[in-house]
N, C-alpha and C. Protein backbone atom coordinates (compact mmCIF):
# COMPACT_ATOMS: atom_id res chain seq x y z
N MET A 1 -58.85 -14.63 5.39
CA MET A 1 -57.42 -14.93 5.36
C MET A 1 -56.80 -14.32 6.62
N SER A 2 -56.09 -15.16 7.34
CA SER A 2 -55.47 -14.66 8.58
C SER A 2 -54.23 -13.84 8.23
N HIS A 3 -53.80 -13.08 9.24
CA HIS A 3 -52.64 -12.19 9.04
C HIS A 3 -51.38 -12.98 8.71
N SER A 4 -51.15 -14.09 9.41
CA SER A 4 -49.93 -14.89 9.19
C SER A 4 -49.89 -15.49 7.79
N SER A 5 -51.05 -15.98 7.32
CA SER A 5 -51.07 -16.56 5.97
C SER A 5 -50.90 -15.48 4.91
N MET A 6 -51.36 -14.25 5.23
CA MET A 6 -51.19 -13.15 4.30
C MET A 6 -49.70 -12.80 4.16
N LEU A 7 -49.02 -12.77 5.31
CA LEU A 7 -47.57 -12.48 5.29
C LEU A 7 -46.81 -13.58 4.57
N LYS A 8 -47.22 -14.82 4.78
CA LYS A 8 -46.59 -15.95 4.11
C LYS A 8 -46.76 -15.84 2.59
N ALA A 9 -47.94 -15.47 2.15
CA ALA A 9 -48.22 -15.32 0.73
C ALA A 9 -47.38 -14.20 0.13
N ARG A 10 -47.25 -13.11 0.90
CA ARG A 10 -46.45 -11.98 0.42
C ARG A 10 -44.97 -12.38 0.25
N ARG A 11 -44.46 -13.10 1.26
CA ARG A 11 -43.05 -13.55 1.18
C ARG A 11 -42.83 -14.45 -0.02
N GLN A 12 -43.77 -15.37 -0.23
CA GLN A 12 -43.64 -16.29 -1.36
C GLN A 12 -43.71 -15.53 -2.69
N HIS A 13 -44.61 -14.55 -2.74
CA HIS A 13 -44.75 -13.75 -3.96
C HIS A 13 -43.47 -12.97 -4.24
N GLN A 14 -42.89 -12.38 -3.19
CA GLN A 14 -41.63 -11.63 -3.34
C GLN A 14 -40.51 -12.54 -3.82
N LYS A 15 -40.50 -13.77 -3.25
CA LYS A 15 -39.44 -14.72 -3.61
C LYS A 15 -39.53 -15.12 -5.08
N THR A 16 -40.75 -15.45 -5.54
CA THR A 16 -40.91 -15.87 -6.93
C THR A 16 -40.63 -14.70 -7.87
N ARG A 17 -41.08 -13.49 -7.48
CA ARG A 17 -40.83 -12.32 -8.32
C ARG A 17 -39.33 -12.06 -8.46
N LYS A 18 -38.60 -12.22 -7.33
CA LYS A 18 -37.15 -12.01 -7.34
C LYS A 18 -36.47 -13.01 -8.27
N LEU A 19 -36.88 -14.27 -8.20
CA LEU A 19 -36.31 -15.30 -9.07
C LEU A 19 -36.60 -15.02 -10.54
N LEU A 20 -37.85 -14.63 -10.84
CA LEU A 20 -38.24 -14.34 -12.22
C LEU A 20 -37.48 -13.13 -12.77
N ASP A 21 -37.35 -12.09 -11.94
CA ASP A 21 -36.61 -10.90 -12.37
C ASP A 21 -35.15 -11.24 -12.63
N GLY A 22 -34.59 -12.06 -11.78
CA GLY A 22 -33.20 -12.48 -11.95
C GLY A 22 -32.98 -13.24 -13.24
N GLU A 23 -33.92 -14.15 -13.53
CA GLU A 23 -33.83 -14.93 -14.77
C GLU A 23 -33.97 -14.03 -15.99
N ALA A 24 -34.87 -13.05 -15.92
CA ALA A 24 -35.07 -12.13 -17.03
C ALA A 24 -33.80 -11.32 -17.30
N LYS A 25 -33.18 -10.85 -16.21
CA LYS A 25 -31.94 -10.08 -16.36
C LYS A 25 -30.84 -10.93 -16.98
N LYS A 26 -30.77 -12.18 -16.52
CA LYS A 26 -29.73 -13.09 -17.03
C LYS A 26 -29.92 -13.34 -18.53
N ALA A 27 -31.18 -13.57 -18.94
CA ALA A 27 -31.48 -13.81 -20.35
C ALA A 27 -31.15 -12.59 -21.19
N LYS A 28 -31.47 -11.41 -20.67
CA LYS A 28 -31.19 -10.17 -21.39
C LYS A 28 -29.68 -9.98 -21.56
N ARG A 29 -28.94 -10.28 -20.49
CA ARG A 29 -27.49 -10.14 -20.53
C ARG A 29 -26.86 -11.10 -21.54
N LEU A 30 -27.34 -12.35 -21.52
CA LEU A 30 -26.82 -13.35 -22.47
C LEU A 30 -27.13 -12.97 -23.91
N ALA A 31 -28.31 -12.43 -24.15
CA ALA A 31 -28.69 -12.00 -25.50
C ALA A 31 -27.79 -10.86 -25.98
N LYS A 32 -27.50 -9.96 -25.06
CA LYS A 32 -26.64 -8.81 -25.39
C LYS A 32 -25.23 -9.28 -25.73
N GLU A 33 -24.72 -10.25 -24.95
CA GLU A 33 -23.37 -10.80 -25.22
C GLU A 33 -23.33 -11.53 -26.55
N ALA A 34 -24.39 -12.29 -26.86
CA ALA A 34 -24.44 -13.04 -28.12
C ALA A 34 -24.48 -12.08 -29.30
N LEU A 35 -25.17 -10.97 -29.13
CA LEU A 35 -25.28 -9.98 -30.20
C LEU A 35 -23.92 -9.32 -30.46
N ALA A 36 -23.16 -9.10 -29.39
CA ALA A 36 -21.87 -8.43 -29.51
C ALA A 36 -20.82 -9.32 -30.17
N GLY A 37 -21.00 -10.62 -30.09
CA GLY A 37 -20.02 -11.53 -30.68
C GLY A 37 -18.97 -11.91 -29.66
N PRO A 38 -18.00 -12.71 -30.10
CA PRO A 38 -16.97 -13.17 -29.16
C PRO A 38 -16.11 -12.01 -28.64
N ALA A 39 -15.75 -12.11 -27.39
CA ALA A 39 -14.94 -11.06 -26.77
C ALA A 39 -13.50 -11.17 -27.25
N VAL A 40 -12.93 -10.04 -27.60
CA VAL A 40 -11.54 -10.01 -28.06
C VAL A 40 -10.71 -9.29 -27.00
N LYS A 41 -9.72 -10.01 -26.50
CA LYS A 41 -8.88 -9.41 -25.47
C LYS A 41 -7.75 -8.64 -26.12
N LYS A 42 -7.47 -7.49 -25.54
CA LYS A 42 -6.34 -6.70 -26.05
C LYS A 42 -5.05 -7.26 -25.46
N GLU A 43 -4.03 -7.26 -26.28
CA GLU A 43 -2.73 -7.72 -25.77
C GLU A 43 -2.05 -6.57 -25.07
N LYS A 44 -1.45 -6.91 -23.94
CA LYS A 44 -0.75 -5.88 -23.19
C LYS A 44 0.60 -5.62 -23.84
N VAL A 45 0.91 -4.36 -24.00
CA VAL A 45 2.17 -3.97 -24.61
C VAL A 45 3.11 -3.54 -23.49
N LYS A 46 4.25 -4.22 -23.44
CA LYS A 46 5.22 -3.87 -22.41
C LYS A 46 6.04 -2.68 -22.87
N LYS A 47 6.13 -1.71 -21.98
CA LYS A 47 6.93 -0.54 -22.30
C LYS A 47 8.39 -0.85 -22.01
N VAL A 48 9.24 -0.42 -22.92
CA VAL A 48 10.67 -0.65 -22.75
C VAL A 48 11.23 0.48 -21.92
N ARG A 49 11.84 0.12 -20.82
CA ARG A 49 12.41 1.14 -19.95
C ARG A 49 13.80 1.52 -20.43
N VAL A 50 14.03 2.80 -20.45
CA VAL A 50 15.33 3.30 -20.88
C VAL A 50 16.11 3.68 -19.63
N LYS A 51 17.27 3.06 -19.50
CA LYS A 51 18.08 3.35 -18.33
C LYS A 51 18.88 4.62 -18.57
N LYS A 52 18.87 5.47 -17.56
CA LYS A 52 19.62 6.71 -17.68
C LYS A 52 21.08 6.43 -17.31
N VAL A 53 21.97 6.97 -18.11
CA VAL A 53 23.39 6.77 -17.86
C VAL A 53 23.91 7.99 -17.13
N LYS A 54 24.49 7.74 -15.97
CA LYS A 54 25.04 8.85 -15.19
C LYS A 54 26.47 9.10 -15.64
N GLU A 55 26.71 10.34 -15.94
CA GLU A 55 28.06 10.70 -16.35
C GLU A 55 28.86 11.09 -15.12
N ALA A 56 30.04 10.55 -15.03
CA ALA A 56 30.89 10.84 -13.88
C ALA A 56 31.51 12.22 -14.07
N VAL A 57 31.20 13.10 -13.15
CA VAL A 57 31.74 14.44 -13.21
C VAL A 57 32.97 14.48 -12.31
N ALA A 58 34.07 14.89 -12.89
CA ALA A 58 35.31 14.95 -12.12
C ALA A 58 35.26 16.14 -11.18
N THR A 59 35.41 15.87 -9.90
CA THR A 59 35.42 16.96 -8.92
C THR A 59 36.86 17.23 -8.50
N GLU A 60 37.13 18.48 -8.38
CA GLU A 60 38.49 18.85 -7.98
C GLU A 60 38.58 18.88 -6.48
N LYS A 61 39.61 18.24 -5.96
CA LYS A 61 39.79 18.23 -4.52
C LYS A 61 40.47 19.52 -4.09
N VAL A 62 39.93 20.06 -3.03
CA VAL A 62 40.49 21.31 -2.51
C VAL A 62 41.39 20.97 -1.35
N LYS A 63 42.59 21.54 -1.40
CA LYS A 63 43.53 21.29 -0.31
C LYS A 63 43.11 22.08 0.91
N LYS A 64 43.24 21.44 2.09
CA LYS A 64 42.91 22.14 3.32
C LYS A 64 43.98 23.16 3.63
N VAL A 65 43.52 24.32 4.00
CA VAL A 65 44.45 25.40 4.33
C VAL A 65 44.59 25.46 5.84
N LYS A 66 45.82 25.53 6.29
CA LYS A 66 46.05 25.62 7.73
C LYS A 66 45.69 27.02 8.19
N LEU A 67 45.02 27.07 9.35
CA LEU A 67 44.63 28.36 9.91
C LEU A 67 45.83 29.06 10.53
N THR A 68 45.77 30.37 10.46
CA THR A 68 46.86 31.15 11.07
C THR A 68 46.66 31.14 12.58
N SER A 69 47.64 31.56 13.30
CA SER A 69 47.57 31.56 14.76
C SER A 69 46.47 32.51 15.25
N GLU A 70 46.28 33.60 14.51
CA GLU A 70 45.23 34.56 14.87
C GLU A 70 43.84 33.92 14.77
N GLU A 71 43.58 33.20 13.67
CA GLU A 71 42.30 32.53 13.48
C GLU A 71 42.10 31.42 14.49
N LEU A 72 43.18 30.71 14.81
CA LEU A 72 43.10 29.66 15.82
C LEU A 72 42.71 30.24 17.18
N GLY A 73 43.26 31.40 17.50
CA GLY A 73 42.95 32.09 18.76
C GLY A 73 41.47 32.46 18.82
N ARG A 74 40.91 32.93 17.71
CA ARG A 74 39.50 33.30 17.65
C ARG A 74 38.60 32.08 17.88
N LEU A 75 38.95 30.98 17.23
CA LEU A 75 38.18 29.75 17.40
C LEU A 75 38.21 29.28 18.85
N GLU A 76 39.38 29.36 19.45
CA GLU A 76 39.56 28.94 20.84
C GLU A 76 38.68 29.79 21.76
N ALA A 77 38.65 31.10 21.51
CA ALA A 77 37.84 32.01 22.32
C ALA A 77 36.35 31.70 22.16
N LYS A 78 35.93 31.37 20.95
CA LYS A 78 34.53 31.02 20.70
C LYS A 78 34.15 29.75 21.48
N LYS A 79 35.03 28.77 21.47
CA LYS A 79 34.77 27.52 22.17
C LYS A 79 34.62 27.77 23.67
N LYS A 80 35.46 28.61 24.24
CA LYS A 80 35.42 28.89 25.68
C LYS A 80 34.11 29.58 26.06
N THR A 81 33.67 30.54 25.23
CA THR A 81 32.42 31.25 25.53
C THR A 81 31.22 30.32 25.36
N ALA A 82 31.27 29.40 24.42
CA ALA A 82 30.19 28.46 24.19
C ALA A 82 30.10 27.47 25.35
N ASP A 83 31.24 27.05 25.89
CA ASP A 83 31.26 26.12 27.00
C ASP A 83 30.69 26.72 28.27
N THR A 84 30.90 27.96 28.51
CA THR A 84 30.42 28.58 29.76
C THR A 84 28.89 28.68 29.77
N GLY A 85 28.25 28.75 28.64
CA GLY A 85 26.80 28.86 28.55
C GLY A 85 26.07 27.56 28.83
N LYS A 86 26.76 26.42 28.72
CA LYS A 86 26.12 25.12 28.90
C LYS A 86 25.94 24.81 30.38
N LYS A 87 24.80 24.11 30.68
CA LYS A 87 24.54 23.69 32.06
C LYS A 87 25.27 22.38 32.34
N GLY A 88 25.63 22.19 33.58
CA GLY A 88 26.26 20.93 33.96
C GLY A 88 27.76 20.94 33.83
N LYS A 89 28.34 21.93 33.22
CA LYS A 89 29.80 22.02 33.09
C LYS A 89 30.36 22.63 34.37
N SER A 90 31.51 22.13 34.78
CA SER A 90 32.14 22.71 35.98
C SER A 90 33.48 23.28 35.66
């Protein structure tokens, strides 16, 4: 037997074995399904979503208080010192 015919025989043997094994698995699977009986699907249960109700909380408005002249002077001084530190200002 030449090498090429030996390889050909091996390929054919592998092919037939693969087909036979596949058929055996299929038969086994079908037998198992038949034994189990008809498949029963579960019905999906929809969950009811509960909407949260937001309660409106009354917020009290705070009146703006006018700053005194002393506080205004302090703010003005802060602004001037902050401006001098920046680059590009003339």
